[in-house]
Amino acid sequence: MLYRRHLRIKVLQALYSWHIGGIDDVIRGEKLLLESINKLHDLFIYQLSFLVEIKRFAEVRIEENKLKFYPTPQDLNPNFRFVENKVLNCIEQNNDFILNENKLKINWSDQSDLILKFYNLLKSKDFYNVYLSTKESTIENDKRFLLKVTDQLLSEFELLRYYYEEKSVYFTDGYDLVILLIINFFENFSAKFNSQSLLPSIYKPAVNGINEDRDFVRNLYRLVLRNEEELVNELKVRTKNWEFDRIPLMDVILLKMAIIELQEMETVPVKVTMNEYIELAKYFSTANSKVFVNGVLDRLIREFKENGKIKKTGRGLLE
């Protein structure tokens, strides 16, 4: 469910917290890191539940409008396109979703204002009315609609963010990442999904009892902290043209993580490591960080190859 980039982001956040003094114990830091990743699944369920609740609210509104003293023709002949959304109905009837929703004790009954405001916002959007007017009811149309709801509304709905802030600090930190997970889930949703289907997990399925993604997270976090002095020395040697103490902390952490991947992660291709950390520098550090990280990594990789410090298993991993 989570891509390696997402996992790198969580490790980056945990290491940043360590360096600014938020955590001072490696074991506790690792435990909090893994817990923060597990909490992403809880927030994933909450977000699916919220969208299902909006649909349920729309169903109630349709029935209430029929009972008006002077119902309009539209009240008596409502448009059911949204409440019959195949994706949301499949999720609502899915046993794994129901089990997780009950486990988390999710209940939106005391959030009627929040639900109403999102529903009214949704109805005000042109794409909503276009969707209602679509003649053909297909799962692809339903998916495209939910992708727009997630990308354009759910990602920007500040009242929901505030609600989650009160639930868990992990929900606050993981909100944007879970939006990406929801989008990925809808993009890959198929007609094969039914009540017995399992929702995606946070990590890729374990193979022979080994969870490679979980191990990747733990090893990356541990090895960066355990090799702190050596990593700093490696970087100081290759950044003599800069005052090391003035290099942005985020750049330093990204480079430390990259060095560990290059030297310790035997199955991660060199090109992947290089490209991933350049991209992370672009999104999480300064305007000049992408160029700086690119330059330092290019030199590091060249020298590591010459000195035999990069050991990769599998064809094409070293180039």
C-alpha atoms as a PDB file:
ATOM      1  CA  MET A   1       0.000   0.000   0.000  1.00  0.00           C
ATOM      2  CA  LEU A   2       2.749   2.416   0.914  1.00  0.00           C
ATOM      3  CA  TYR A   3       5.429   3.056  -1.674  1.00  0.00           C
ATOM      4  CA  ARG A   4       9.062   3.172  -0.582  1.00  0.00           C
ATOM      5  CA  ARG A   5       9.007   6.947  -1.032  1.00  0.00           C
ATOM      6  CA  HIS A   6       6.266   7.189   1.585  1.00  0.00           C
ATOM      7  CA  LEU A   7       8.344   5.069   3.948  1.00  0.00           C
ATOM      8  CA  ARG A   8      11.392   7.255   3.367  1.00  0.00           C
ATOM      9  CA  ILE A   9       9.284  10.297   4.228  1.00  0.00           C
ATOM     10  CA  LYS A  10       8.238   8.760   7.548  1.00  0.00           C
ATOM     11  CA  VAL A  11      11.852   7.902   8.392  1.00  0.00           C
ATOM     12  CA  LEU A  12      12.900  11.436   7.387  1.00  0.00           C
ATOM     13  CA  GLN A  13      10.291  12.934   9.731  1.00  0.00           C
ATOM     14  CA  ALA A  14      11.395  10.661  12.585  1.00  0.00           C
ATOM     15  CA  LEU A  15      15.078  11.511  12.115  1.00  0.00           C
ATOM     16  CA  TYR A  16      14.275  15.219  11.948  1.00  0.00           C
ATOM     17  CA  SER A  17      12.384  14.913  15.242  1.00  0.00           C
ATOM     18  CA  TRP A  18      15.424  13.168  16.729  1.00  0.00           C
ATOM     19  CA  HIS A  19      17.806  15.904  15.645  1.00  0.00           C
ATOM     20  CA  ILE A  20      15.709  18.780  16.925  1.00  0.00           C
ATOM     21  CA  GLY A  21      15.465  17.112  20.324  1.00  0.00           C
ATOM     22  CA  GLY A  22      12.004  15.595  20.159  1.00  0.00           C
ATOM     23  CA  ILE A  23      13.310  12.073  20.848  1.00  0.00           C
ATOM     24  CA  ASP A  24      16.491  11.016  22.641  1.00  0.00           C
ATOM     25  CA  ASP A  25      16.168   7.224  22.766  1.00  0.00           C
ATOM     26  CA  VAL A  26      16.707   5.101  19.642  1.00  0.00           C
ATOM     27  CA  ILE A  27      14.417   2.255  20.704  1.00  0.00           C
ATOM     28  CA  ARG A  28      11.622   4.623  21.704  1.00  0.00           C
ATOM     29  CA  GLY A  29      12.130   6.609  18.503  1.00  0.00           C
ATOM     30  CA  GLU A  30      11.852   3.468  16.407  1.00  0.00           C
ATOM     31  CA  LYS A  31       8.710   2.417  18.260  1.00  0.00           C
ATOM     32  CA  LEU A  32       7.103   5.811  17.640  1.00  0.00           C
ATOM     33  CA  LEU A  33       8.137   5.676  13.981  1.00  0.00           C
ATOM     34  CA  LEU A  34       6.481   2.299  13.444  1.00  0.00           C
ATOM     35  CA  GLU A  35       3.413   3.432  15.384  1.00  0.00           C
ATOM     36  CA  SER A  36       3.116   6.538  13.189  1.00  0.00           C
ATOM     37  CA  ILE A  37       3.136   4.310  10.110  1.00  0.00           C
ATOM     38  CA  ASN A  38       0.522   1.970  11.575  1.00  0.00           C
ATOM     39  CA  LYS A  39      -1.663   4.981  12.422  1.00  0.00           C
ATOM     40  CA  LEU A  40      -1.779   5.811   8.718  1.00  0.00           C
ATOM     41  CA  HIS A  41      -4.013   2.784   8.268  1.00  0.00           C
ATOM     42  CA  ASP A  42      -6.360   4.046  10.987  1.00  0.00           C
ATOM     43  CA  LEU A  43      -6.615   7.413   9.254  1.00  0.00           C
ATOM     44  CA  PHE A  44      -7.157   5.624   5.945  1.00  0.00           C
ATOM     45  CA  ILE A  45     -10.199   3.887   7.466  1.00  0.00           C
ATOM     46  CA  TYR A  46     -11.429   7.175   8.963  1.00  0.00           C
ATOM     47  CA  GLN A  47     -11.257   8.895   5.573  1.00  0.00           C
ATOM     48  CA  LEU A  48     -13.113   6.088   3.825  1.00  0.00           C
ATOM     49  CA  SER A  49     -15.680   6.180   6.626  1.00  0.00           C
ATOM     50  CA  PHE A  50     -16.083   9.936   6.213  1.00  0.00           C
ATOM     51  CA  LEU A  51     -16.834   9.599   2.494  1.00  0.00           C
ATOM     52  CA  VAL A  52     -19.296   6.778   3.163  1.00  0.00           C
ATOM     53  CA  GLU A  53     -20.936   8.962   5.827  1.00  0.00           C
ATOM     54  CA  ILE A  54     -21.418  11.762   3.296  1.00  0.00           C
ATOM     55  CA  LYS A  55     -23.239   9.288   1.073  1.00  0.00           C
ATOM     56  CA  ARG A  56     -25.378   8.150   4.001  1.00  0.00           C
ATOM     57  CA  PHE A  57     -26.189  11.759   4.816  1.00  0.00           C
ATOM     58  CA  ALA A  58     -27.285  12.325   1.203  1.00  0.00           C
ATOM     59  CA  GLU A  59     -29.581   9.290   1.453  1.00  0.00           C
ATOM     60  CA  VAL A  60     -31.237  10.703   4.570  1.00  0.00           C
ATOM     61  CA  ARG A  61     -31.657  14.083   2.868  1.00  0.00           C
ATOM     62  CA  ILE A  62     -33.408  12.459  -0.090  1.00  0.00           C
ATOM     63  CA  GLU A  63     -35.929  10.759   2.199  1.00  0.00           C
ATOM     64  CA  GLU A  64     -36.471  13.918   4.259  1.00  0.00           C
ATOM     65  CA  ASN A  65     -37.116  16.010   1.155  1.00  0.00           C
ATOM     66  CA  LYS A  66     -39.862  13.637   0.056  1.00  0.00           C
ATOM     67  CA  LEU A  67     -41.700  14.397   3.307  1.00  0.00           C
ATOM     68  CA  LYS A  68     -41.733  18.162   2.863  1.00  0.00           C
ATOM     69  CA  PHE A  69     -45.111  19.820   3.197  1.00  0.00           C
ATOM     70  CA  TYR A  70     -44.704  21.155  -0.340  1.00  0.00           C
ATOM     71  CA  PRO A  71     -42.145  18.884  -2.035  1.00  0.00           C
ATOM     72  CA  THR A  72     -40.779  19.979  -5.390  1.00  0.00           C
ATOM     73  CA  PRO A  73     -40.725  17.690  -8.433  1.00  0.00           C
ATOM     74  CA  GLN A  74     -37.005  17.251  -7.757  1.00  0.00           C
ATOM     75  CA  ASP A  75     -37.775  16.217  -4.169  1.00  0.00           C
ATOM     76  CA  LEU A  76     -40.233  13.605  -5.373  1.00  0.00           C
ATOM     77  CA  ASN A  77     -37.984  12.381  -8.185  1.00  0.00           C
ATOM     78  CA  PRO A  78     -34.482  12.693  -6.763  1.00  0.00           C
ATOM     79  CA  ASN A  79     -31.237  11.951  -8.528  1.00  0.00           C
ATOM     80  CA  PHE A  80     -29.709   8.792  -6.999  1.00  0.00           C
ATOM     81  CA  ARG A  81     -26.386   8.875  -8.854  1.00  0.00           C
ATOM     82  CA  PHE A  82     -24.301   9.858  -5.811  1.00  0.00           C
ATOM     83  CA  VAL A  83     -26.008   7.642  -3.232  1.00  0.00           C
ATOM     84  CA  GLU A  84     -25.743   4.708  -5.657  1.00  0.00           C
ATOM     85  CA  ASN A  85     -22.023   5.243  -6.220  1.00  0.00           C
ATOM     86  CA  LYS A  86     -20.753   1.705  -6.745  1.00  0.00           C
ATOM     87  CA  VAL A  87     -17.397   2.274  -5.094  1.00  0.00           C
ATOM     88  CA  LEU A  88     -18.802   3.771  -1.907  1.00  0.00           C
ATOM     89  CA  ASN A  89     -21.492   1.110  -1.654  1.00  0.00           C
ATOM     90  CA  CYS A  90     -18.903  -1.647  -2.065  1.00  0.00           C
ATOM     91  CA  ILE A  91     -16.800  -0.116   0.680  1.00  0.00           C
ATOM     92  CA  GLU A  92     -19.808   0.296   2.972  1.00  0.00           C
ATOM     93  CA  GLN A  93     -20.708  -3.399   2.601  1.00  0.00           C
ATOM     94  CA  ASN A  94     -17.142  -4.674   2.861  1.00  0.00           C
ATOM     95  CA  ASN A  95     -16.537  -6.854   5.925  1.00  0.00           C
ATOM     96  CA  ASP A  96     -12.958  -5.688   6.424  1.00  0.00           C
ATOM     97  CA  PHE A  97     -14.075  -2.060   6.361  1.00  0.00           C
ATOM     98  CA  ILE A  98     -16.928  -2.745   8.800  1.00  0.00           C
ATOM     99  CA  LEU A  99     -14.562  -4.614  11.122  1.00  0.00           C
ATOM    100  CA  ASN A 100     -12.017  -1.777  11.117  1.00  0.00           C
ATOM    101  CA  GLU A 101     -14.679   0.909  11.478  1.00  0.00           C
ATOM    102  CA  ASN A 102     -16.076  -0.881  14.532  1.00  0.00           C
ATOM    103  CA  LYS A 103     -12.617  -1.538  15.952  1.00  0.00           C
ATOM    104  CA  LEU A 104     -11.820   2.176  15.812  1.00  0.00           C
ATOM    105  CA  LYS A 105     -15.306   3.020  17.147  1.00  0.00           C
ATOM    106  CA  ILE A 106     -15.840   5.553  14.391  1.00  0.00           C
ATOM    107  CA  ASN A 107     -19.058   7.480  14.888  1.00  0.00           C
ATOM    108  CA  TRP A 108     -19.961  10.645  12.998  1.00  0.00           C
ATOM    109  CA  SER A 109     -23.284  11.238  14.779  1.00  0.00           C
ATOM    110  CA  ASP A 110     -21.851  14.105  16.839  1.00  0.00           C
ATOM    111  CA  GLN A 111     -20.305  15.757  13.781  1.00  0.00           C
ATOM    112  CA  SER A 112     -23.477  16.754  11.950  1.00  0.00           C
ATOM    113  CA  ASP A 113     -22.224  20.297  11.236  1.00  0.00           C
ATOM    114  CA  LEU A 114     -18.993  18.948   9.760  1.00  0.00           C
ATOM    115  CA  ILE A 115     -20.886  16.501   7.548  1.00  0.00           C
ATOM    116  CA  LEU A 116     -23.389  19.138   6.423  1.00  0.00           C
ATOM    117  CA  LYS A 117     -20.684  21.652   5.504  1.00  0.00           C
ATOM    118  CA  PHE A 118     -18.778  19.128   3.422  1.00  0.00           C
ATOM    119  CA  TYR A 119     -21.982  17.956   1.731  1.00  0.00           C
ATOM    120  CA  ASN A 120     -22.974  21.523   0.851  1.00  0.00           C
ATOM    121  CA  LEU A 121     -19.459  22.206  -0.426  1.00  0.00           C
ATOM    122  CA  LEU A 122     -19.657  19.101  -2.571  1.00  0.00           C
ATOM    123  CA  LYS A 123     -23.026  20.111  -4.044  1.00  0.00           C
ATOM    124  CA  SER A 124     -21.634  23.531  -4.973  1.00  0.00           C
ATOM    125  CA  LYS A 125     -18.978  22.050  -7.258  1.00  0.00           C
ATOM    126  CA  ASP A 126     -19.487  21.863 -11.013  1.00  0.00           C
ATOM    127  CA  PHE A 127     -17.993  18.382 -11.210  1.00  0.00           C
ATOM    128  CA  TYR A 128     -20.673  17.148  -8.788  1.00  0.00           C
ATOM    129  CA  ASN A 129     -23.509  18.361 -11.001  1.00  0.00           C
ATOM    130  CA  VAL A 130     -21.786  16.997 -14.097  1.00  0.00           C
ATOM    131  CA  TYR A 131     -21.534  13.646 -12.348  1.00  0.00           C
ATOM    132  CA  LEU A 132     -25.235  13.677 -11.431  1.00  0.00           C
ATOM    133  CA  SER A 133     -26.157  14.393 -15.037  1.00  0.00           C
ATOM    134  CA  THR A 134     -24.074  11.522 -16.412  1.00  0.00           C
ATOM    135  CA  LYS A 135     -26.406   9.111 -18.157  1.00  0.00           C
ATOM    136  CA  GLU A 136     -24.255   6.007 -17.956  1.00  0.00           C
ATOM    137  CA  SER A 137     -23.696   4.522 -14.507  1.00  0.00           C
ATOM    138  CA  THR A 138     -20.305   2.779 -14.521  1.00  0.00           C
ATOM    139  CA  ILE A 139     -17.694   1.992 -11.913  1.00  0.00           C
ATOM    140  CA  GLU A 140     -15.174   4.027 -13.914  1.00  0.00           C
ATOM    141  CA  ASN A 141     -17.376   7.134 -13.730  1.00  0.00           C
ATOM    142  CA  ASP A 142     -17.853   6.546 -10.009  1.00  0.00           C
ATOM    143  CA  LYS A 143     -14.101   6.203  -9.517  1.00  0.00           C
ATOM    144  CA  ARG A 144     -13.326   9.389 -11.443  1.00  0.00           C
ATOM    145  CA  PHE A 145     -15.864  11.286  -9.366  1.00  0.00           C
ATOM    146  CA  LEU A 146     -14.369  10.086  -6.074  1.00  0.00           C
ATOM    147  CA  LEU A 147     -10.885  10.946  -7.260  1.00  0.00           C
ATOM    148  CA  LYS A 148     -12.037  14.532  -7.810  1.00  0.00           C
ATOM    149  CA  VAL A 149     -13.741  14.608  -4.410  1.00  0.00           C
ATOM    150  CA  THR A 150     -10.563  13.387  -2.729  1.00  0.00           C
ATOM    151  CA  ASP A 151      -8.111  15.547  -4.650  1.00  0.00           C
ATOM    152  CA  GLN A 152     -10.106  18.777  -4.775  1.00  0.00           C
ATOM    153  CA  LEU A 153     -12.173  18.706  -1.580  1.00  0.00           C
ATOM    154  CA  LEU A 154     -10.957  16.187   0.959  1.00  0.00           C
ATOM    155  CA  SER A 155      -7.359  17.349   0.684  1.00  0.00           C
ATOM    156  CA  GLU A 156      -8.327  20.993   1.344  1.00  0.00           C
ATOM    157  CA  PHE A 157     -11.130  20.626   3.885  1.00  0.00           C
ATOM    158  CA  GLU A 158      -9.580  22.316   6.922  1.00  0.00           C
ATOM    159  CA  LEU A 159     -12.453  21.538   9.295  1.00  0.00           C
ATOM    160  CA  LEU A 160     -11.770  17.835   8.881  1.00  0.00           C
ATOM    161  CA  ARG A 161      -8.070  18.391   9.545  1.00  0.00           C
ATOM    162  CA  TYR A 162      -8.970  20.176  12.781  1.00  0.00           C
ATOM    163  CA  TYR A 163     -11.226  17.276  13.754  1.00  0.00           C
ATOM    164  CA  TYR A 164      -8.384  14.824  13.253  1.00  0.00           C
ATOM    165  CA  GLU A 165      -5.960  17.014  15.205  1.00  0.00           C
ATOM    166  CA  GLU A 166      -8.059  16.291  18.278  1.00  0.00           C
ATOM    167  CA  LYS A 167      -7.995  12.574  17.535  1.00  0.00           C
ATOM    168  CA  SER A 168      -4.263  12.013  17.188  1.00  0.00           C
ATOM    169  CA  VAL A 169      -1.043  13.875  16.443  1.00  0.00           C
ATOM    170  CA  TYR A 170      -0.286  11.056  14.020  1.00  0.00           C
ATOM    171  CA  PHE A 171      -3.425  11.923  12.050  1.00  0.00           C
ATOM    172  CA  THR A 172      -2.196  15.492  11.685  1.00  0.00           C
ATOM    173  CA  ASP A 173       1.221  14.431  10.414  1.00  0.00           C
ATOM    174  CA  GLY A 174      -0.204  11.786   8.101  1.00  0.00           C
ATOM    175  CA  TYR A 175      -3.162  13.643   6.583  1.00  0.00           C
ATOM    176  CA  ASP A 176      -1.602  14.521   3.227  1.00  0.00           C
ATOM    177  CA  LEU A 177       0.064  11.135   2.891  1.00  0.00           C
ATOM    178  CA  VAL A 178      -3.235   9.331   3.466  1.00  0.00           C
ATOM    179  CA  ILE A 179      -4.852  11.499   0.780  1.00  0.00           C
ATOM    180  CA  LEU A 180      -2.344   9.949  -1.637  1.00  0.00           C
ATOM    181  CA  LEU A 181      -3.213   6.486  -0.342  1.00  0.00           C
ATOM    182  CA  ILE A 182      -6.939   7.123  -0.845  1.00  0.00           C
ATOM    183  CA  ILE A 183      -6.284   8.325  -4.399  1.00  0.00           C
ATOM    184  CA  ASN A 184      -4.195   5.246  -5.111  1.00  0.00           C
ATOM    185  CA  PHE A 185      -6.937   3.018  -3.668  1.00  0.00           C
ATOM    186  CA  PHE A 186      -9.629   4.560  -5.876  1.00  0.00           C
ATOM    187  CA  GLU A 187      -7.405   4.459  -8.963  1.00  0.00           C
ATOM    188  CA  ASN A 188      -6.864   0.716  -8.512  1.00  0.00           C
ATOM    189  CA  PHE A 189     -10.403  -0.108  -7.407  1.00  0.00           C
ATOM    190  CA  SER A 190     -11.974  -2.799  -9.583  1.00  0.00           C
ATOM    191  CA  ALA A 191     -15.317  -4.518  -9.982  1.00  0.00           C
ATOM    192  CA  LYS A 192     -13.765  -7.574  -8.305  1.00  0.00           C
ATOM    193  CA  PHE A 193     -13.859  -5.784  -4.947  1.00  0.00           C
ATOM    194  CA  ASN A 194     -16.644  -7.283  -2.828  1.00  0.00           C
ATOM    195  CA  SER A 195     -17.734  -7.833   0.762  1.00  0.00           C
ATOM    196  CA  GLN A 196     -15.012 -10.455   1.287  1.00  0.00           C
ATOM    197  CA  SER A 197     -12.152  -8.430  -0.176  1.00  0.00           C
ATOM    198  CA  LEU A 198      -9.413  -7.163   2.114  1.00  0.00           C
ATOM    199  CA  LEU A 199      -8.569  -3.497   2.217  1.00  0.00           C
ATOM    200  CA  PRO A 200      -4.933  -2.731   1.392  1.00  0.00           C
ATOM    201  CA  SER A 201      -2.490  -2.946   4.265  1.00  0.00           C
ATOM    202  CA  ILE A 202       0.234  -0.418   5.044  1.00  0.00           C
ATOM    203  CA  TYR A 203       3.116  -2.691   4.075  1.00  0.00           C
ATOM    204  CA  LYS A 204       3.450  -5.055   1.153  1.00  0.00           C
ATOM    205  CA  PRO A 205       2.562  -8.637   2.116  1.00  0.00           C
ATOM    206  CA  ALA A 206       5.330 -10.523   3.917  1.00  0.00           C
ATOM    207  CA  VAL A 207       7.193 -13.195   1.961  1.00  0.00           C
ATOM    208  CA  ASN A 208       8.315 -16.285   3.877  1.00  0.00           C
ATOM    209  CA  GLY A 209       7.610 -14.457   7.107  1.00  0.00           C
ATOM    210  CA  ILE A 210       9.801 -11.499   6.132  1.00  0.00           C
ATOM    211  CA  ASN A 211       8.247  -8.052   5.804  1.00  0.00           C
ATOM    212  CA  GLU A 212      10.756  -6.250   3.605  1.00  0.00           C
ATOM    213  CA  ASP A 213       9.105  -2.828   3.876  1.00  0.00           C
ATOM    214  CA  ARG A 214       8.967  -2.897   7.665  1.00  0.00           C
ATOM    215  CA  ASP A 215      12.579  -4.085   7.808  1.00  0.00           C
ATOM    216  CA  PHE A 216      13.558  -1.321   5.380  1.00  0.00           C
ATOM    217  CA  VAL A 217      12.083   1.312   7.707  1.00  0.00           C
ATOM    218  CA  ARG A 218      13.664  -0.101  10.867  1.00  0.00           C
ATOM    219  CA  ASN A 219      17.107  -0.590   9.325  1.00  0.00           C
ATOM    220  CA  LEU A 220      17.199   2.808   7.679  1.00  0.00           C
ATOM    221  CA  TYR A 221      16.267   4.562  10.922  1.00  0.00           C
ATOM    222  CA  ARG A 222      18.591   2.523  13.121  1.00  0.00           C
ATOM    223  CA  LEU A 223      21.625   2.630  10.857  1.00  0.00           C
ATOM    224  CA  VAL A 224      21.491   6.390  10.345  1.00  0.00           C
ATOM    225  CA  LEU A 225      21.508   6.961  14.100  1.00  0.00           C
ATOM    226  CA  ARG A 226      24.038   4.246  14.931  1.00  0.00           C
ATOM    227  CA  ASN A 227      26.504   5.532  12.319  1.00  0.00           C
ATOM    228  CA  GLU A 228      26.022   9.223  13.089  1.00  0.00           C
ATOM    229  CA  GLU A 229      29.700  10.107  13.612  1.00  0.00           C
ATOM    230  CA  GLU A 230      30.917   8.202  10.547  1.00  0.00           C
ATOM    231  CA  LEU A 231      28.198   9.696   8.352  1.00  0.00           C
ATOM    232  CA  VAL A 232      28.986  13.234   9.489  1.00  0.00           C
ATOM    233  CA  ASN A 233      32.667  12.685   8.696  1.00  0.00           C
ATOM    234  CA  GLU A 234      31.797  11.318   5.245  1.00  0.00           C
ATOM    235  CA  LEU A 235      29.775  14.436   4.514  1.00  0.00           C
ATOM    236  CA  LYS A 236      32.269  16.925   5.925  1.00  0.00           C
ATOM    237  CA  VAL A 237      34.993  15.571   3.640  1.00  0.00           C
ATOM    238  CA  ARG A 238      32.783  16.068   0.599  1.00  0.00           C
ATOM    239  CA  THR A 239      31.328  19.457   1.534  1.00  0.00           C
ATOM    240  CA  LYS A 240      34.536  21.383   2.223  1.00  0.00           C
ATOM    241  CA  ASN A 241      33.319  24.259   0.071  1.00  0.00           C
ATOM    242  CA  TRP A 242      30.429  24.811   2.508  1.00  0.00           C
ATOM    243  CA  GLU A 243      30.339  25.543   6.208  1.00  0.00           C
ATOM    244  CA  PHE A 244      28.933  22.252   7.421  1.00  0.00           C
ATOM    245  CA  ASP A 245      27.036  23.782  10.346  1.00  0.00           C
ATOM    246  CA  ARG A 246      25.201  26.070   7.938  1.00  0.00           C
ATOM    247  CA  ILE A 247      23.997  23.311   5.619  1.00  0.00           C
ATOM    248  CA  PRO A 248      20.216  22.877   6.144  1.00  0.00           C
ATOM    249  CA  LEU A 249      19.528  20.096   8.634  1.00  0.00           C
ATOM    250  CA  MET A 250      17.075  18.465   6.246  1.00  0.00           C
ATOM    251  CA  ASP A 251      19.780  18.216   3.563  1.00  0.00           C
ATOM    252  CA  VAL A 252      22.170  16.589   6.020  1.00  0.00           C
ATOM    253  CA  ILE A 253      19.572  14.019   7.100  1.00  0.00           C
ATOM    254  CA  LEU A 254      18.661  13.205   3.493  1.00  0.00           C
ATOM    255  CA  LEU A 255      22.317  12.654   2.606  1.00  0.00           C
ATOM    256  CA  LYS A 256      22.845  10.422   5.650  1.00  0.00           C
ATOM    257  CA  MET A 257      19.856   8.313   4.644  1.00  0.00           C
ATOM    258  CA  ALA A 258      21.145   8.099   1.075  1.00  0.00           C
ATOM    259  CA  ILE A 259      24.592   6.931   2.226  1.00  0.00           C
ATOM    260  CA  ILE A 260      23.033   4.160   4.322  1.00  0.00           C
ATOM    261  CA  GLU A 261      20.942   3.029   1.368  1.00  0.00           C
ATOM    262  CA  LEU A 262      23.953   3.038  -0.928  1.00  0.00           C
ATOM    263  CA  GLN A 263      26.159   1.067   1.440  1.00  0.00           C
ATOM    264  CA  GLU A 264      23.747  -1.101   3.428  1.00  0.00           C
ATOM    265  CA  MET A 265      20.596  -1.724   1.351  1.00  0.00           C
ATOM    266  CA  GLU A 266      21.787  -4.386  -1.063  1.00  0.00           C
ATOM    267  CA  THR A 267      18.573  -4.676  -3.067  1.00  0.00           C
ATOM    268  CA  VAL A 268      17.923  -0.960  -3.639  1.00  0.00           C
ATOM    269  CA  PRO A 269      19.305   0.202  -7.016  1.00  0.00           C
ATOM    270  CA  VAL A 270      21.809   3.055  -6.922  1.00  0.00           C
ATOM    271  CA  LYS A 271      19.776   5.096  -9.425  1.00  0.00           C
ATOM    272  CA  VAL A 272      16.657   4.717  -7.311  1.00  0.00           C
ATOM    273  CA  THR A 273      18.442   6.000  -4.202  1.00  0.00           C
ATOM    274  CA  MET A 274      19.880   8.956  -6.109  1.00  0.00           C
ATOM    275  CA  ASN A 275      16.581   9.951  -7.710  1.00  0.00           C
ATOM    276  CA  GLU A 276      14.508   9.479  -4.547  1.00  0.00           C
ATOM    277  CA  TYR A 277      16.627  11.700  -2.337  1.00  0.00           C
ATOM    278  CA  ILE A 278      16.911  14.424  -4.957  1.00  0.00           C
ATOM    279  CA  GLU A 279      13.101  14.464  -5.155  1.00  0.00           C
ATOM    280  CA  LEU A 280      12.718  14.496  -1.372  1.00  0.00           C
ATOM    281  CA  ALA A 281      15.131  17.428  -1.164  1.00  0.00           C
ATOM    282  CA  LYS A 282      12.950  19.320  -3.627  1.00  0.00           C
ATOM    283  CA  TYR A 283       9.813  18.855  -1.525  1.00  0.00           C
ATOM    284  CA  PHE A 284      11.134  18.963   2.035  1.00  0.00           C
ATOM    285  CA  SER A 285      14.077  21.360   2.057  1.00  0.00           C
ATOM    286  CA  THR A 286      15.189  24.672   0.560  1.00  0.00           C
ATOM    287  CA  ALA A 287      14.959  25.941  -3.003  1.00  0.00           C
ATOM    288  CA  ASN A 288      18.647  25.140  -3.598  1.00  0.00           C
ATOM    289  CA  SER A 289      18.654  21.771  -1.862  1.00  0.00           C
ATOM    290  CA  LYS A 290      17.842  19.701  -4.922  1.00  0.00           C
ATOM    291  CA  VAL A 291      20.982  20.911  -6.723  1.00  0.00           C
ATOM    292  CA  PHE A 292      23.119  20.588  -3.579  1.00  0.00           C
ATOM    293  CA  VAL A 293      21.977  17.033  -2.771  1.00  0.00           C
ATOM    294  CA  ASN A 294      22.370  16.046  -6.418  1.00  0.00           C
ATOM    295  CA  GLY A 295      25.957  17.297  -6.497  1.00  0.00           C
ATOM    296  CA  VAL A 296      27.021  15.666  -3.223  1.00  0.00           C
ATOM    297  CA  LEU A 297      25.371  12.334  -4.074  1.00  0.00           C
ATOM    298  CA  ASP A 298      26.965  12.288  -7.516  1.00  0.00           C
ATOM    299  CA  ARG A 299      30.408  12.669  -5.947  1.00  0.00           C
ATOM    300  CA  LEU A 300      29.657  10.143  -3.190  1.00  0.00           C
ATOM    301  CA  ILE A 301      28.462   7.484  -5.620  1.00  0.00           C
ATOM    302  CA  ARG A 302      31.448   7.948  -7.881  1.00  0.00           C
ATOM    303  CA  GLU A 303      33.910   7.633  -4.978  1.00  0.00           C
ATOM    304  CA  PHE A 304      32.029   4.757  -3.310  1.00  0.00           C
ATOM    305  CA  LYS A 305      32.137   2.767  -6.539  1.00  0.00           C
ATOM    306  CA  GLU A 306      35.855   3.388  -6.934  1.00  0.00           C
ATOM    307  CA  ASN A 307      36.508   2.289  -3.334  1.00  0.00           C
ATOM    308  CA  GLY A 308      34.204  -0.740  -3.491  1.00  0.00           C
ATOM    309  CA  LYS A 309      31.912   0.631  -0.781  1.00  0.00           C
ATOM    310  CA  ILE A 310      28.733  -0.084  -2.724  1.00  0.00           C
ATOM    311  CA  LYS A 311      27.702  -3.732  -2.709  1.00  0.00           C
ATOM    312  CA  LYS A 312      24.480  -4.554  -4.496  1.00  0.00           C
ATOM    313  CA  THR A 313      22.886  -7.936  -5.207  1.00  0.00           C
ATOM    314  CA  GLY A 314      21.051  -8.465  -8.481  1.00  0.00           C
ATOM    315  CA  ARG A 315      21.553  -7.340 -12.038  1.00  0.00           C
ATOM    316  CA  GLY A 316      21.327  -3.631 -12.845  1.00  0.00           C
ATOM    317  CA  LEU A 317      21.389  -2.437  -9.224  1.00  0.00           C
ATOM    318  CA  LEU A 318      24.788  -0.773  -9.351  1.00  0.00           C
ATOM    319  CA  GLU A 319      24.511   1.266 -12.537  1.00  0.00           C
END
